[in-house]
Amino acid sequence: TYQELFDRPNVLELICEQVVVPNMRCRDIDEELFTDNPEEFIRRDIEGSDVDTRRRAASDLVRGLCRYFESRVTAILGSYIETMLAQFANNKRESWRDKEVAIYLVTSLASRGSTQRHGTTQTNELVNLKDFCSQHIVPEIATDGVESLPILRACCIK
């Protein structure tokens, strides 16, 4: 079966490192879209009209991998999330993209089931959304200065 391919040493680690994380990174073109048309940037993400994007494909890949390897994928990506959040904490101005990817990874890992009408209907119990939200989302939203890291703030509001 195909599942055996993923049981080989380091296969999931390589997929996460070389496929998932790089394709979830906010690129310059994404930043330009946000600057030029923030409503369109947010609409694509919230309404799910970003179906054909690399970020959505990477998110779908995470959800698919979690269907069969939830604890392993959560642990692997959890270490990337911790590293990216630490990089952000050390240099917020230069590393905002790291936190934005970390948030995107958490939302991809956390959502086990969803519908268009109701959004997420099942969550990954291995992801502590309450703690993540209180430690990493609320502080960004509560920060003064709307112009400070606007893409990151929009990601947190979403």
C-alpha atoms as a PDB file:
ATOM      1  CA  THR A   1       0.000   0.000   0.000  1.00  0.00           C
ATOM      2  CA  TYR A   2       0.998   3.633  -0.326  1.00  0.00           C
ATOM      3  CA  GLN A   3       0.937   4.059   3.435  1.00  0.00           C
ATOM      4  CA  GLU A   4       4.069   1.910   3.644  1.00  0.00           C
ATOM      5  CA  LEU A   5       5.969   4.511   1.622  1.00  0.00           C
ATOM      6  CA  PHE A   6       5.346   7.069   4.344  1.00  0.00           C
ATOM      7  CA  ASP A   7       6.454   4.679   7.074  1.00  0.00           C
ATOM      8  CA  ARG A   8      10.018   4.776   5.787  1.00  0.00           C
ATOM      9  CA  PRO A   9      12.477   6.768   7.929  1.00  0.00           C
ATOM     10  CA  ASN A  10      12.464  10.530   7.371  1.00  0.00           C
ATOM     11  CA  VAL A  11       9.858  10.517   4.562  1.00  0.00           C
ATOM     12  CA  LEU A  12       7.328  12.581   6.511  1.00  0.00           C
ATOM     13  CA  GLU A  13      10.080  14.873   7.817  1.00  0.00           C
ATOM     14  CA  LEU A  14      11.300  15.528   4.269  1.00  0.00           C
ATOM     15  CA  ILE A  15       7.784  16.186   2.972  1.00  0.00           C
ATOM     16  CA  CYS A  16       7.154  18.661   5.780  1.00  0.00           C
ATOM     17  CA  GLU A  17      10.533  20.368   5.422  1.00  0.00           C
ATOM     18  CA  GLN A  18      10.825  20.489   1.641  1.00  0.00           C
ATOM     19  CA  VAL A  19       7.209  20.682   0.485  1.00  0.00           C
ATOM     20  CA  VAL A  20       4.827  21.878   3.189  1.00  0.00           C
ATOM     21  CA  VAL A  21       6.754  24.658   4.963  1.00  0.00           C
ATOM     22  CA  PRO A  22       8.232  26.328   1.836  1.00  0.00           C
ATOM     23  CA  ASN A  23       4.868  26.364   0.090  1.00  0.00           C
ATOM     24  CA  MET A  24       3.107  27.979   3.026  1.00  0.00           C
ATOM     25  CA  ARG A  25       5.546  30.910   3.133  1.00  0.00           C
ATOM     26  CA  CYS A  26       4.147  34.297   2.265  1.00  0.00           C
ATOM     27  CA  ARG A  27       5.884  35.376  -0.947  1.00  0.00           C
ATOM     28  CA  ASP A  28       6.586  38.878  -2.211  1.00  0.00           C
ATOM     29  CA  ILE A  29       3.701  38.541  -4.672  1.00  0.00           C
ATOM     30  CA  ASP A  30       1.338  37.767  -1.761  1.00  0.00           C
ATOM     31  CA  GLU A  31       2.572  40.855   0.052  1.00  0.00           C
ATOM     32  CA  GLU A  32       2.043  42.934  -3.092  1.00  0.00           C
ATOM     33  CA  LEU A  33      -1.528  41.645  -3.424  1.00  0.00           C
ATOM     34  CA  PHE A  34      -2.191  42.562   0.194  1.00  0.00           C
ATOM     35  CA  THR A  35      -0.764  46.050  -0.331  1.00  0.00           C
ATOM     36  CA  ASP A  36      -2.609  46.636  -3.622  1.00  0.00           C
ATOM     37  CA  ASN A  37      -5.907  44.949  -2.767  1.00  0.00           C
ATOM     38  CA  PRO A  38      -6.223  43.837   0.866  1.00  0.00           C
ATOM     39  CA  GLU A  39      -9.902  42.948   0.476  1.00  0.00           C
ATOM     40  CA  GLU A  40      -9.098  40.492  -2.332  1.00  0.00           C
ATOM     41  CA  PHE A  41      -6.209  39.008  -0.337  1.00  0.00           C
ATOM     42  CA  ILE A  42      -8.481  38.319   2.644  1.00  0.00           C
ATOM     43  CA  ARG A  43     -11.467  37.222   0.518  1.00  0.00           C
ATOM     44  CA  ARG A  44      -9.384  34.570  -1.227  1.00  0.00           C
ATOM     45  CA  ASP A  45      -8.337  33.094   2.063  1.00  0.00           C
ATOM     46  CA  ILE A  46     -11.610  33.298   3.974  1.00  0.00           C
ATOM     47  CA  GLU A  47     -13.967  32.289   1.172  1.00  0.00           C
ATOM     48  CA  GLY A  48     -11.720  29.453   0.066  1.00  0.00           C
ATOM     49  CA  SER A  49     -11.326  30.820  -3.457  1.00  0.00           C
ATOM     50  CA  ASP A  50      -7.593  30.151  -3.116  1.00  0.00           C
ATOM     51  CA  VAL A  51      -8.199  26.520  -4.136  1.00  0.00           C
ATOM     52  CA  ASP A  52      -5.521  26.548  -6.812  1.00  0.00           C
ATOM     53  CA  THR A  53      -2.761  28.116  -4.737  1.00  0.00           C
ATOM     54  CA  ARG A  54       0.379  26.476  -3.433  1.00  0.00           C
ATOM     55  CA  ARG A  55      -0.576  27.425   0.128  1.00  0.00           C
ATOM     56  CA  ARG A  56      -3.961  25.716  -0.097  1.00  0.00           C
ATOM     57  CA  ALA A  57      -2.350  22.648  -1.693  1.00  0.00           C
ATOM     58  CA  ALA A  58       0.209  22.474   1.139  1.00  0.00           C
ATOM     59  CA  SER A  59      -2.563  22.858   3.712  1.00  0.00           C
ATOM     60  CA  ASP A  60      -4.583  20.109   2.047  1.00  0.00           C
ATOM     61  CA  LEU A  61      -1.473  17.909   2.038  1.00  0.00           C
ATOM     62  CA  VAL A  62      -1.073  18.433   5.795  1.00  0.00           C
ATOM     63  CA  ARG A  63      -4.709  17.477   6.365  1.00  0.00           C
ATOM     64  CA  GLY A  64      -4.299  14.393   4.185  1.00  0.00           C
ATOM     65  CA  LEU A  65      -1.141  13.297   5.965  1.00  0.00           C
ATOM     66  CA  CYS A  66      -2.821  13.850   9.329  1.00  0.00           C
ATOM     67  CA  ARG A  67      -5.607  11.489   8.322  1.00  0.00           C
ATOM     68  CA  TYR A  68      -3.108   8.607   8.539  1.00  0.00           C
ATOM     69  CA  PHE A  69      -0.156   9.961  10.525  1.00  0.00           C
ATOM     70  CA  GLU A  70      -1.686  12.597  12.792  1.00  0.00           C
ATOM     71  CA  SER A  71       0.635  12.261  15.782  1.00  0.00           C
ATOM     72  CA  ARG A  72       3.818  12.094  13.694  1.00  0.00           C
ATOM     73  CA  VAL A  73       2.917  14.997  11.410  1.00  0.00           C
ATOM     74  CA  THR A  74       1.749  17.085  14.370  1.00  0.00           C
ATOM     75  CA  ALA A  75       5.058  16.449  16.164  1.00  0.00           C
ATOM     76  CA  ILE A  76       7.160  17.218  13.078  1.00  0.00           C
ATOM     77  CA  LEU A  77       5.342  20.423  12.195  1.00  0.00           C
ATOM     78  CA  GLY A  78       5.083  21.331  15.883  1.00  0.00           C
ATOM     79  CA  SER A  79       8.867  21.590  16.031  1.00  0.00           C
ATOM     80  CA  TYR A  80       8.869  23.861  12.965  1.00  0.00           C
ATOM     81  CA  ILE A  81       6.157  25.989  14.535  1.00  0.00           C
ATOM     82  CA  GLU A  82       8.172  26.386  17.745  1.00  0.00           C
ATOM     83  CA  THR A  83      11.302  27.323  15.792  1.00  0.00           C
ATOM     84  CA  MET A  84       9.478  29.895  13.668  1.00  0.00           C
ATOM     85  CA  LEU A  85       7.780  31.457  16.676  1.00  0.00           C
ATOM     86  CA  ALA A  86      11.171  31.717  18.430  1.00  0.00           C
ATOM     87  CA  GLN A  87      12.665  33.404  15.352  1.00  0.00           C
ATOM     88  CA  PHE A  88       9.780  35.861  15.354  1.00  0.00           C
ATOM     89  CA  ALA A  89      10.262  36.579  19.061  1.00  0.00           C
ATOM     90  CA  ASN A  90      13.938  37.396  18.418  1.00  0.00           C
ATOM     91  CA  ASN A  91      13.280  39.791  15.535  1.00  0.00           C
ATOM     92  CA  LYS A  92       9.647  40.714  14.971  1.00  0.00           C
ATOM     93  CA  ARG A  93      10.180  43.201  12.177  1.00  0.00           C
ATOM     94  CA  GLU A  94      12.300  40.865  10.035  1.00  0.00           C
ATOM     95  CA  SER A  95      10.695  37.522  10.959  1.00  0.00           C
ATOM     96  CA  TRP A  96       6.974  38.281  10.725  1.00  0.00           C
ATOM     97  CA  ARG A  97       6.683  35.780   7.849  1.00  0.00           C
ATOM     98  CA  ASP A  98       7.848  33.025  10.192  1.00  0.00           C
ATOM     99  CA  LYS A  99       4.968  33.702  12.558  1.00  0.00           C
ATOM    100  CA  GLU A 100       2.530  33.959   9.672  1.00  0.00           C
ATOM    101  CA  VAL A 101       3.625  30.505   8.433  1.00  0.00           C
ATOM    102  CA  ALA A 102       3.412  29.119  11.972  1.00  0.00           C
ATOM    103  CA  ILE A 103      -0.186  30.332  12.228  1.00  0.00           C
ATOM    104  CA  TYR A 104      -1.034  28.840   8.844  1.00  0.00           C
ATOM    105  CA  LEU A 105       0.541  25.534   9.921  1.00  0.00           C
ATOM    106  CA  VAL A 106      -1.432  25.500  13.177  1.00  0.00           C
ATOM    107  CA  THR A 107      -4.712  26.104  11.373  1.00  0.00           C
ATOM    108  CA  SER A 108      -3.863  23.374   8.856  1.00  0.00           C
ATOM    109  CA  LEU A 109      -2.956  20.909  11.609  1.00  0.00           C
ATOM    110  CA  ALA A 110      -5.885  21.781  13.842  1.00  0.00           C
ATOM    111  CA  SER A 111      -8.671  21.376  11.292  1.00  0.00           C
ATOM    112  CA  ARG A 112      -9.625  17.722  10.900  1.00  0.00           C
ATOM    113  CA  GLY A 113     -12.994  18.290   9.304  1.00  0.00           C
ATOM    114  CA  SER A 114     -14.846  21.262   7.896  1.00  0.00           C
ATOM    115  CA  THR A 115     -17.773  22.331   5.773  1.00  0.00           C
ATOM    116  CA  GLN A 116     -18.230  25.403   3.630  1.00  0.00           C
ATOM    117  CA  ARG A 117     -21.214  26.500   5.689  1.00  0.00           C
ATOM    118  CA  HIS A 118     -19.932  25.810   9.219  1.00  0.00           C
ATOM    119  CA  GLY A 119     -16.164  26.048   8.848  1.00  0.00           C
ATOM    120  CA  THR A 120     -14.093  23.718  11.023  1.00  0.00           C
ATOM    121  CA  THR A 121     -16.245  21.000  12.553  1.00  0.00           C
ATOM    122  CA  GLN A 122     -13.559  18.701  14.003  1.00  0.00           C
ATOM    123  CA  THR A 123     -10.162  19.556  15.458  1.00  0.00           C
ATOM    124  CA  ASN A 124      -6.894  17.738  16.077  1.00  0.00           C
ATOM    125  CA  GLU A 125      -6.784  17.073  19.817  1.00  0.00           C
ATOM    126  CA  LEU A 126      -2.964  17.193  19.714  1.00  0.00           C
ATOM    127  CA  VAL A 127      -3.062  20.931  18.932  1.00  0.00           C
ATOM    128  CA  ASN A 128      -3.852  23.154  21.909  1.00  0.00           C
ATOM    129  CA  LEU A 129      -5.724  25.937  20.130  1.00  0.00           C
ATOM    130  CA  LYS A 130      -6.702  27.757  23.321  1.00  0.00           C
ATOM    131  CA  ASP A 131      -3.087  28.203  24.463  1.00  0.00           C
ATOM    132  CA  PHE A 132      -1.861  29.018  20.959  1.00  0.00           C
ATOM    133  CA  CYS A 133      -4.524  31.663  20.535  1.00  0.00           C
ATOM    134  CA  SER A 134      -3.923  33.293  23.911  1.00  0.00           C
ATOM    135  CA  GLN A 135      -0.124  33.275  23.535  1.00  0.00           C
ATOM    136  CA  HIS A 136       0.315  34.085  19.846  1.00  0.00           C
ATOM    137  CA  ILE A 137      -2.881  35.461  18.295  1.00  0.00           C
ATOM    138  CA  VAL A 138      -4.458  37.752  20.897  1.00  0.00           C
ATOM    139  CA  PRO A 139      -1.212  39.700  21.550  1.00  0.00           C
ATOM    140  CA  GLU A 140      -0.935  40.542  17.834  1.00  0.00           C
ATOM    141  CA  ILE A 141      -4.528  41.744  17.639  1.00  0.00           C
ATOM    142  CA  ALA A 142      -4.246  43.734  20.871  1.00  0.00           C
ATOM    143  CA  THR A 143      -1.063  45.514  19.756  1.00  0.00           C
ATOM    144  CA  ASP A 144      -1.432  49.244  19.088  1.00  0.00           C
ATOM    145  CA  GLY A 145      -0.774  50.508  15.589  1.00  0.00           C
ATOM    146  CA  VAL A 146      -2.860  49.079  12.774  1.00  0.00           C
ATOM    147  CA  GLU A 147       0.018  49.630  10.341  1.00  0.00           C
ATOM    148  CA  SER A 148       2.367  47.433  12.357  1.00  0.00           C
ATOM    149  CA  LEU A 149       2.869  44.140  10.469  1.00  0.00           C
ATOM    150  CA  PRO A 150      -0.484  44.352   8.643  1.00  0.00           C
ATOM    151  CA  ILE A 151      -0.391  40.928   6.932  1.00  0.00           C
ATOM    152  CA  LEU A 152       0.390  39.222  10.220  1.00  0.00           C
ATOM    153  CA  ARG A 153      -2.441  41.077  11.919  1.00  0.00           C
ATOM    154  CA  ALA A 154      -4.867  40.109   9.132  1.00  0.00           C
ATOM    155  CA  CYS A 155      -3.738  36.490   9.494  1.00  0.00           C
ATOM    156  CA  CYS A 156      -4.425  36.633  13.239  1.00  0.00           C
ATOM    157  CA  ILE A 157      -7.876  38.128  12.741  1.00  0.00           C
ATOM    158  CA  LYS A 158      -8.764  35.414  10.258  1.00  0.00           C
END
